[in-house]
Amino acid sequence: MRTLDIIEFVVAHPDGVVAQQVSAALSIPVSSLSYLLATLCERNYLRREGRLYVAGDGLDRLRRPAASMTIEERVGPQVSALRRALNETTSFFVLAGWELEARVTETADQALRYSISVGARAPLHCLAAGKAMLATFDETTLDRYFAESERAIFTPKTMGDERLLRREIASVRKSGWAFTDEEFTLGVCGLARAVVIDGAPVGALAVALPKLRYTDAVKGEIMERLSAASATLSNGA
């Protein structure tokens, strides 16, 4: 609740306030306040102007109906929340022809990590997000994909064979989950789930991490959080 108190206090002072004012008014130790203010600024709920803190553009986003937001604006908070909770690289991908394009991504704050840049493109057949999107294709589109796409082999585990990939896609359709195991980058695993808004698939949320951290417990937590995030977006958040 302290973060809400801070936001309300700053909004009530449109000319801005310094940290000491917030600390004194809300009885929050400066040591704790510094972290909270930094987090609120990082998420654009507050903005720092010299020593002053003022209301940020992120508050306008909260007032806007979801339908008026871009897909990046809608998905961004979920990607941020997943990355903070899991501390693993989390991304949102959309289709770009027979490829994926990263639209929102946040990289794990760990020495050993996987990363991908916003705007980067990658094949569908060897990323979890790609398999999640392939599973949303109708049969005609899927046939076109196999006829037209180039499915390069990146590692010994890359699944380029149509028969094997169709079997994998059928599994994703049944479970709702897509996985990769060192199929694009050696030592990296991934999980993904398609995001459906207003009945149409708009992209996929994915988490990628080093295989050495990919335990059953970690997999379970990622699946739980990805499922919740996808459901939140589907329900109009």
C-alpha atoms as a PDB file:
ATOM      1  CA  MET A   1       0.000   0.000   0.000  1.00  0.00           C
ATOM      2  CA  ARG A   2       2.933   2.365   0.474  1.00  0.00           C
ATOM      3  CA  THR A   3       3.371   2.706  -3.275  1.00  0.00           C
ATOM      4  CA  LEU A   4      -0.242   3.898  -3.610  1.00  0.00           C
ATOM      5  CA  ASP A   5       0.299   6.361  -0.773  1.00  0.00           C
ATOM      6  CA  ILE A   6       3.375   7.721  -2.548  1.00  0.00           C
ATOM      7  CA  ILE A   7       1.551   8.104  -5.867  1.00  0.00           C
ATOM      8  CA  GLU A   8      -1.405   9.857  -4.224  1.00  0.00           C
ATOM      9  CA  PHE A   9       0.912  12.221  -2.344  1.00  0.00           C
ATOM     10  CA  VAL A  10       2.878  13.160  -5.456  1.00  0.00           C
ATOM     11  CA  VAL A  11      -0.276  13.625  -7.567  1.00  0.00           C
ATOM     12  CA  ALA A  12      -1.632  15.957  -4.881  1.00  0.00           C
ATOM     13  CA  HIS A  13       1.445  18.189  -5.389  1.00  0.00           C
ATOM     14  CA  PRO A  14       1.509  19.012  -9.124  1.00  0.00           C
ATOM     15  CA  ASP A  15       4.574  21.240  -8.725  1.00  0.00           C
ATOM     16  CA  GLY A  16       6.556  18.231  -7.488  1.00  0.00           C
ATOM     17  CA  VAL A  17       7.965  17.072  -4.171  1.00  0.00           C
ATOM     18  CA  VAL A  18      11.392  16.030  -2.940  1.00  0.00           C
ATOM     19  CA  ALA A  19      12.039  12.670  -1.316  1.00  0.00           C
ATOM     20  CA  GLN A  20      12.353  14.195   2.148  1.00  0.00           C
ATOM     21  CA  GLN A  21       8.829  15.606   1.887  1.00  0.00           C
ATOM     22  CA  VAL A  22       7.425  12.204   0.982  1.00  0.00           C
ATOM     23  CA  SER A  23       9.375  10.548   3.779  1.00  0.00           C
ATOM     24  CA  ALA A  24       8.156  13.018   6.390  1.00  0.00           C
ATOM     25  CA  ALA A  25       4.534  13.033   5.241  1.00  0.00           C
ATOM     26  CA  LEU A  26       4.169   9.264   4.964  1.00  0.00           C
ATOM     27  CA  SER A  27       6.598   8.171   7.688  1.00  0.00           C
ATOM     28  CA  ILE A  28       8.622   6.061   5.284  1.00  0.00           C
ATOM     29  CA  PRO A  29      12.357   5.744   6.034  1.00  0.00           C
ATOM     30  CA  VAL A  30      14.469   7.350   3.320  1.00  0.00           C
ATOM     31  CA  SER A  31      16.351   4.061   2.844  1.00  0.00           C
ATOM     32  CA  SER A  32      13.118   2.263   1.901  1.00  0.00           C
ATOM     33  CA  LEU A  33      11.685   5.227   0.033  1.00  0.00           C
ATOM     34  CA  SER A  34      14.592   5.462  -2.396  1.00  0.00           C
ATOM     35  CA  TYR A  35      13.871   1.991  -3.770  1.00  0.00           C
ATOM     36  CA  LEU A  36      10.128   2.626  -4.045  1.00  0.00           C
ATOM     37  CA  LEU A  37      10.625   5.937  -5.839  1.00  0.00           C
ATOM     38  CA  ALA A  38      13.130   4.393  -8.241  1.00  0.00           C
ATOM     39  CA  THR A  39      10.703   1.569  -9.064  1.00  0.00           C
ATOM     40  CA  LEU A  40       7.813   3.971  -9.656  1.00  0.00           C
ATOM     41  CA  CYS A  41      10.004   6.078 -11.940  1.00  0.00           C
ATOM     42  CA  GLU A  42      11.195   2.987 -13.808  1.00  0.00           C
ATOM     43  CA  ARG A  43       7.587   2.071 -14.542  1.00  0.00           C
ATOM     44  CA  ASN A  44       6.756   5.692 -15.480  1.00  0.00           C
ATOM     45  CA  TYR A  45       4.202   6.206 -12.710  1.00  0.00           C
ATOM     46  CA  LEU A  46       6.437   9.002 -11.442  1.00  0.00           C
ATOM     47  CA  ARG A  47       8.975  11.162 -13.246  1.00  0.00           C
ATOM     48  CA  ARG A  48      12.062  12.736 -11.742  1.00  0.00           C
ATOM     49  CA  GLU A  49      12.920  16.337 -12.590  1.00  0.00           C
ATOM     50  CA  GLY A  50      16.140  17.147 -10.787  1.00  0.00           C
ATOM     51  CA  ARG A  51      15.381  16.621  -7.092  1.00  0.00           C
ATOM     52  CA  LEU A  52      11.627  16.772  -7.641  1.00  0.00           C
ATOM     53  CA  TYR A  53       9.234  13.898  -8.264  1.00  0.00           C
ATOM     54  CA  VAL A  54       6.109  14.533 -10.347  1.00  0.00           C
ATOM     55  CA  ALA A  55       3.326  12.378 -11.794  1.00  0.00           C
ATOM     56  CA  GLY A  56       4.460  10.263 -14.751  1.00  0.00           C
ATOM     57  CA  ASP A  57       2.881   9.245 -18.042  1.00  0.00           C
ATOM     58  CA  GLY A  58       2.219   5.748 -16.723  1.00  0.00           C
ATOM     59  CA  LEU A  59      -0.709   7.086 -14.704  1.00  0.00           C
ATOM     60  CA  ASP A  60      -2.400   8.182 -17.932  1.00  0.00           C
ATOM     61  CA  ARG A  61      -2.105   4.616 -19.186  1.00  0.00           C
ATOM     62  CA  LEU A  62      -4.030   3.370 -16.159  1.00  0.00           C
ATOM     63  CA  ARG A  63      -6.919   5.686 -17.013  1.00  0.00           C
ATOM     64  CA  ARG A  64      -7.106   4.666 -20.665  1.00  0.00           C
ATOM     65  CA  PRO A  65      -9.440   1.853 -21.779  1.00  0.00           C
ATOM     66  CA  ALA A  66      -7.550  -1.212 -22.962  1.00  0.00           C
ATOM     67  CA  ALA A  67      -9.090  -0.931 -26.425  1.00  0.00           C
ATOM     68  CA  SER A  68      -7.319   2.400 -27.015  1.00  0.00           C
ATOM     69  CA  MET A  69      -3.865   1.030 -26.179  1.00  0.00           C
ATOM     70  CA  THR A  70      -1.334  -0.467 -28.556  1.00  0.00           C
ATOM     71  CA  ILE A  71      -0.594  -4.139 -28.052  1.00  0.00           C
ATOM     72  CA  GLU A  72       2.823  -3.179 -26.667  1.00  0.00           C
ATOM     73  CA  GLU A  73       1.210  -0.906 -24.069  1.00  0.00           C
ATOM     74  CA  ARG A  74      -1.182  -3.649 -23.012  1.00  0.00           C
ATOM     75  CA  VAL A  75       1.438  -6.368 -22.822  1.00  0.00           C
ATOM     76  CA  GLY A  76       4.317  -4.335 -21.387  1.00  0.00           C
ATOM     77  CA  PRO A  77       3.204  -4.381 -17.717  1.00  0.00           C
ATOM     78  CA  GLN A  78       2.685  -8.149 -17.852  1.00  0.00           C
ATOM     79  CA  VAL A  79       6.145  -8.709 -19.342  1.00  0.00           C
ATOM     80  CA  SER A  80       7.665  -6.490 -16.642  1.00  0.00           C
ATOM     81  CA  ALA A  81       5.810  -8.286 -13.872  1.00  0.00           C
ATOM     82  CA  LEU A  82       6.865 -11.702 -15.168  1.00  0.00           C
ATOM     83  CA  ARG A  83      10.496 -10.676 -15.469  1.00  0.00           C
ATOM     84  CA  ARG A  84      10.540  -9.276 -11.934  1.00  0.00           C
ATOM     85  CA  ALA A  85       8.834 -12.337 -10.454  1.00  0.00           C
ATOM     86  CA  LEU A  86      10.957 -14.909 -12.285  1.00  0.00           C
ATOM     87  CA  ASN A  87      14.167 -12.981 -12.995  1.00  0.00           C
ATOM     88  CA  GLU A  88      14.341 -14.721 -16.361  1.00  0.00           C
ATOM     89  CA  THR A  89      14.160 -13.129 -19.798  1.00  0.00           C
ATOM     90  CA  THR A  90      10.527 -12.544 -20.739  1.00  0.00           C
ATOM     91  CA  SER A  91       9.272 -11.443 -24.158  1.00  0.00           C
ATOM     92  CA  PHE A  92       6.166 -10.872 -26.230  1.00  0.00           C
ATOM     93  CA  PHE A  93       6.356 -11.866 -29.887  1.00  0.00           C
ATOM     94  CA  VAL A  94       4.092 -11.281 -32.874  1.00  0.00           C
ATOM     95  CA  LEU A  95       4.024 -12.852 -36.316  1.00  0.00           C
ATOM     96  CA  ALA A  96       6.011 -11.214 -39.102  1.00  0.00           C
ATOM     97  CA  GLY A  97       5.403 -13.353 -42.147  1.00  0.00           C
ATOM     98  CA  TRP A  98       6.805 -16.803 -41.370  1.00  0.00           C
ATOM     99  CA  GLU A  99       8.924 -15.347 -38.552  1.00  0.00           C
ATOM    100  CA  LEU A 100       8.548 -13.963 -35.060  1.00  0.00           C
ATOM    101  CA  GLU A 101       9.263 -10.368 -34.130  1.00  0.00           C
ATOM    102  CA  ALA A 102      10.028  -9.361 -30.534  1.00  0.00           C
ATOM    103  CA  ARG A 103       7.807  -6.401 -29.614  1.00  0.00           C
ATOM    104  CA  VAL A 104       8.379  -6.258 -25.851  1.00  0.00           C
ATOM    105  CA  THR A 105      11.248  -7.872 -23.977  1.00  0.00           C
ATOM    106  CA  GLU A 106      12.949  -7.612 -20.601  1.00  0.00           C
ATOM    107  CA  THR A 107      16.214  -9.389 -19.889  1.00  0.00           C
ATOM    108  CA  ALA A 108      17.014 -11.359 -16.740  1.00  0.00           C
ATOM    109  CA  ASP A 109      19.203  -9.623 -14.193  1.00  0.00           C
ATOM    110  CA  GLN A 110      21.600 -12.557 -13.924  1.00  0.00           C
ATOM    111  CA  ALA A 111      25.135 -13.160 -15.154  1.00  0.00           C
ATOM    112  CA  LEU A 112      24.070 -16.196 -17.196  1.00  0.00           C
ATOM    113  CA  ARG A 113      21.039 -15.258 -19.274  1.00  0.00           C
ATOM    114  CA  TYR A 114      19.412 -15.278 -22.687  1.00  0.00           C
ATOM    115  CA  SER A 115      18.573 -11.994 -24.380  1.00  0.00           C
ATOM    116  CA  ILE A 116      16.814 -10.781 -27.510  1.00  0.00           C
ATOM    117  CA  SER A 117      16.363  -7.200 -28.696  1.00  0.00           C
ATOM    118  CA  VAL A 118      13.079  -5.469 -29.462  1.00  0.00           C
ATOM    119  CA  GLY A 119      12.542  -5.695 -33.207  1.00  0.00           C
ATOM    120  CA  ALA A 120      14.696  -8.800 -33.589  1.00  0.00           C
ATOM    121  CA  ARG A 121      13.267 -11.560 -35.750  1.00  0.00           C
ATOM    122  CA  ALA A 122      13.560 -15.310 -35.303  1.00  0.00           C
ATOM    123  CA  PRO A 123      12.177 -18.470 -36.964  1.00  0.00           C
ATOM    124  CA  LEU A 124       8.887 -19.965 -35.866  1.00  0.00           C
ATOM    125  CA  HIS A 125       9.922 -23.606 -35.789  1.00  0.00           C
ATOM    126  CA  CYS A 126      12.605 -23.451 -33.096  1.00  0.00           C
ATOM    127  CA  LEU A 127      11.323 -20.941 -30.529  1.00  0.00           C
ATOM    128  CA  ALA A 128       8.608 -21.718 -28.005  1.00  0.00           C
ATOM    129  CA  ALA A 129       6.717 -18.572 -29.007  1.00  0.00           C
ATOM    130  CA  GLY A 130       6.923 -19.666 -32.628  1.00  0.00           C
ATOM    131  CA  LYS A 131       5.446 -23.062 -31.889  1.00  0.00           C
ATOM    132  CA  ALA A 132       2.702 -21.386 -29.857  1.00  0.00           C
ATOM    133  CA  MET A 133       1.814 -19.258 -32.880  1.00  0.00           C
ATOM    134  CA  LEU A 134       2.027 -22.184 -35.305  1.00  0.00           C
ATOM    135  CA  ALA A 135      -0.532 -23.970 -33.150  1.00  0.00           C
ATOM    136  CA  THR A 136      -2.998 -21.120 -33.785  1.00  0.00           C
ATOM    137  CA  PHE A 137      -2.856 -21.560 -37.578  1.00  0.00           C
ATOM    138  CA  ASP A 138      -5.754 -23.172 -39.392  1.00  0.00           C
ATOM    139  CA  GLU A 139      -4.846 -26.140 -41.581  1.00  0.00           C
ATOM    140  CA  THR A 140      -4.695 -24.112 -44.794  1.00  0.00           C
ATOM    141  CA  THR A 141      -2.290 -21.589 -43.275  1.00  0.00           C
ATOM    142  CA  LEU A 142      -0.233 -24.356 -41.722  1.00  0.00           C
ATOM    143  CA  ASP A 143       0.073 -26.097 -45.098  1.00  0.00           C
ATOM    144  CA  ARG A 144       1.252 -22.816 -46.643  1.00  0.00           C
ATOM    145  CA  TYR A 145       3.796 -22.402 -43.862  1.00  0.00           C
ATOM    146  CA  PHE A 146       5.339 -25.791 -44.533  1.00  0.00           C
ATOM    147  CA  ALA A 147       5.326 -25.187 -48.285  1.00  0.00           C
ATOM    148  CA  GLU A 148       6.874 -21.717 -48.149  1.00  0.00           C
ATOM    149  CA  SER A 149       9.072 -21.500 -45.041  1.00  0.00           C
ATOM    150  CA  GLU A 150      12.753 -22.260 -44.704  1.00  0.00           C
ATOM    151  CA  ARG A 151      13.317 -24.199 -41.509  1.00  0.00           C
ATOM    152  CA  ALA A 152      17.030 -23.859 -40.890  1.00  0.00           C
ATOM    153  CA  ILE A 153      18.854 -26.190 -38.518  1.00  0.00           C
ATOM    154  CA  PHE A 154      20.580 -24.242 -35.730  1.00  0.00           C
ATOM    155  CA  THR A 155      21.520 -27.007 -33.290  1.00  0.00           C
ATOM    156  CA  PRO A 156      21.413 -30.817 -33.249  1.00  0.00           C
ATOM    157  CA  LYS A 157      18.006 -30.495 -31.542  1.00  0.00           C
ATOM    158  CA  THR A 158      16.371 -28.166 -34.067  1.00  0.00           C
ATOM    159  CA  MET A 159      13.123 -29.668 -35.318  1.00  0.00           C
ATOM    160  CA  GLY A 160      13.061 -28.962 -39.057  1.00  0.00           C
ATOM    161  CA  ASP A 161      11.280 -32.094 -40.239  1.00  0.00           C
ATOM    162  CA  GLU A 162       7.632 -31.410 -41.161  1.00  0.00           C
ATOM    163  CA  ARG A 163       6.313 -34.661 -39.719  1.00  0.00           C
ATOM    164  CA  LEU A 164       7.955 -34.113 -36.339  1.00  0.00           C
ATOM    165  CA  LEU A 165       6.973 -30.465 -36.227  1.00  0.00           C
ATOM    166  CA  ARG A 166       3.337 -31.237 -37.043  1.00  0.00           C
ATOM    167  CA  ARG A 167       3.323 -33.712 -34.168  1.00  0.00           C
ATOM    168  CA  GLU A 168       4.728 -31.019 -31.892  1.00  0.00           C
ATOM    169  CA  ILE A 169       2.124 -28.504 -33.055  1.00  0.00           C
ATOM    170  CA  ALA A 170      -0.654 -31.002 -32.327  1.00  0.00           C
ATOM    171  CA  SER A 171       0.688 -31.355 -28.789  1.00  0.00           C
ATOM    172  CA  VAL A 172       0.730 -27.569 -28.331  1.00  0.00           C
ATOM    173  CA  ARG A 173      -2.859 -27.319 -29.549  1.00  0.00           C
ATOM    174  CA  LYS A 174      -3.917 -29.947 -27.040  1.00  0.00           C
ATOM    175  CA  SER A 175      -2.103 -28.540 -24.000  1.00  0.00           C
ATOM    176  CA  GLY A 176      -1.869 -24.840 -24.802  1.00  0.00           C
ATOM    177  CA  TRP A 177       1.860 -24.922 -24.019  1.00  0.00           C
ATOM    178  CA  ALA A 178       4.877 -24.713 -26.293  1.00  0.00           C
ATOM    179  CA  PHE A 179       8.401 -25.674 -25.278  1.00  0.00           C
ATOM    180  CA  THR A 180      11.885 -25.621 -26.757  1.00  0.00           C
ATOM    181  CA  ASP A 181      14.951 -27.438 -25.524  1.00  0.00           C
ATOM    182  CA  GLU A 182      18.179 -26.092 -27.058  1.00  0.00           C
ATOM    183  CA  GLU A 183      16.521 -25.929 -30.484  1.00  0.00           C
ATOM    184  CA  PHE A 184      17.623 -22.385 -31.387  1.00  0.00           C
ATOM    185  CA  THR A 185      20.499 -21.768 -28.973  1.00  0.00           C
ATOM    186  CA  LEU A 186      22.498 -24.444 -27.185  1.00  0.00           C
ATOM    187  CA  GLY A 187      22.008 -24.348 -23.435  1.00  0.00           C
ATOM    188  CA  VAL A 188      18.738 -22.378 -23.608  1.00  0.00           C
ATOM    189  CA  CYS A 189      15.201 -23.616 -22.943  1.00  0.00           C
ATOM    190  CA  GLY A 190      11.927 -21.787 -23.461  1.00  0.00           C
ATOM    191  CA  LEU A 191       8.222 -21.883 -22.640  1.00  0.00           C
ATOM    192  CA  ALA A 192       5.449 -19.933 -24.338  1.00  0.00           C
ATOM    193  CA  ARG A 193       1.726 -19.470 -24.489  1.00  0.00           C
ATOM    194  CA  ALA A 194      -0.358 -17.737 -27.144  1.00  0.00           C
ATOM    195  CA  VAL A 195      -2.199 -14.556 -26.162  1.00  0.00           C
ATOM    196  CA  VAL A 196      -5.777 -14.392 -27.438  1.00  0.00           C
ATOM    197  CA  ILE A 197      -7.669 -11.080 -27.360  1.00  0.00           C
ATOM    198  CA  ASP A 198     -11.261 -10.777 -28.583  1.00  0.00           C
ATOM    199  CA  GLY A 199     -11.063 -14.327 -29.872  1.00  0.00           C
ATOM    200  CA  ALA A 200      -8.007 -13.782 -32.075  1.00  0.00           C
ATOM    201  CA  PRO A 201      -4.383 -14.766 -31.378  1.00  0.00           C
ATOM    202  CA  VAL A 202      -2.306 -11.565 -31.244  1.00  0.00           C
ATOM    203  CA  GLY A 203       1.060 -12.988 -30.223  1.00  0.00           C
ATOM    204  CA  ALA A 204       2.786 -15.127 -27.626  1.00  0.00           C
ATOM    205  CA  LEU A 205       4.316 -14.557 -24.212  1.00  0.00           C
ATOM    206  CA  ALA A 206       7.553 -16.465 -23.673  1.00  0.00           C
ATOM    207  CA  VAL A 207      10.202 -17.029 -21.036  1.00  0.00           C
ATOM    208  CA  ALA A 208      13.707 -18.186 -21.989  1.00  0.00           C
ATOM    209  CA  LEU A 209      16.369 -19.316 -19.562  1.00  0.00           C
ATOM    210  CA  PRO A 210      19.601 -21.302 -19.299  1.00  0.00           C
ATOM    211  CA  LYS A 211      18.970 -25.040 -19.168  1.00  0.00           C
ATOM    212  CA  LEU A 212      20.937 -25.412 -15.943  1.00  0.00           C
ATOM    213  CA  ARG A 213      18.253 -23.368 -14.120  1.00  0.00           C
ATOM    214  CA  TYR A 214      15.350 -25.155 -15.826  1.00  0.00           C
ATOM    215  CA  THR A 215      14.207 -27.444 -13.014  1.00  0.00           C
ATOM    216  CA  ASP A 216      10.744 -28.954 -12.646  1.00  0.00           C
ATOM    217  CA  ALA A 217       9.965 -26.456  -9.885  1.00  0.00           C
ATOM    218  CA  VAL A 218      11.034 -23.508 -12.032  1.00  0.00           C
ATOM    219  CA  LYS A 219       9.068 -24.846 -14.998  1.00  0.00           C
ATOM    220  CA  GLY A 220       5.955 -25.121 -12.841  1.00  0.00           C
ATOM    221  CA  GLU A 221       6.265 -21.573 -11.550  1.00  0.00           C
ATOM    222  CA  ILE A 222       6.834 -20.164 -15.040  1.00  0.00           C
ATOM    223  CA  MET A 223       3.785 -22.002 -16.379  1.00  0.00           C
ATOM    224  CA  GLU A 224       1.617 -20.755 -13.523  1.00  0.00           C
ATOM    225  CA  ARG A 225       2.663 -17.141 -14.012  1.00  0.00           C
ATOM    226  CA  LEU A 226       2.508 -17.235 -17.819  1.00  0.00           C
ATOM    227  CA  SER A 227      -0.970 -18.726 -17.644  1.00  0.00           C
ATOM    228  CA  ALA A 228      -2.156 -15.964 -15.305  1.00  0.00           C
ATOM    229  CA  ALA A 229      -0.605 -13.226 -17.454  1.00  0.00           C
ATOM    230  CA  SER A 230      -2.167 -14.600 -20.642  1.00  0.00           C
ATOM    231  CA  ALA A 231      -5.559 -14.861 -18.960  1.00  0.00           C
ATOM    232  CA  THR A 232      -5.307 -11.277 -17.704  1.00  0.00           C
ATOM    233  CA  LEU A 233      -4.618 -10.003 -21.213  1.00  0.00           C
ATOM    234  CA  SER A 234      -7.385 -12.125 -22.706  1.00  0.00           C
ATOM    235  CA  ASN A 235      -9.831 -10.704 -20.170  1.00  0.00           C
ATOM    236  CA  GLY A 236      -9.135  -7.158 -21.291  1.00  0.00           C
ATOM    237  CA  ALA A 237      -6.402  -5.893 -18.961  1.00  0.00           C
END
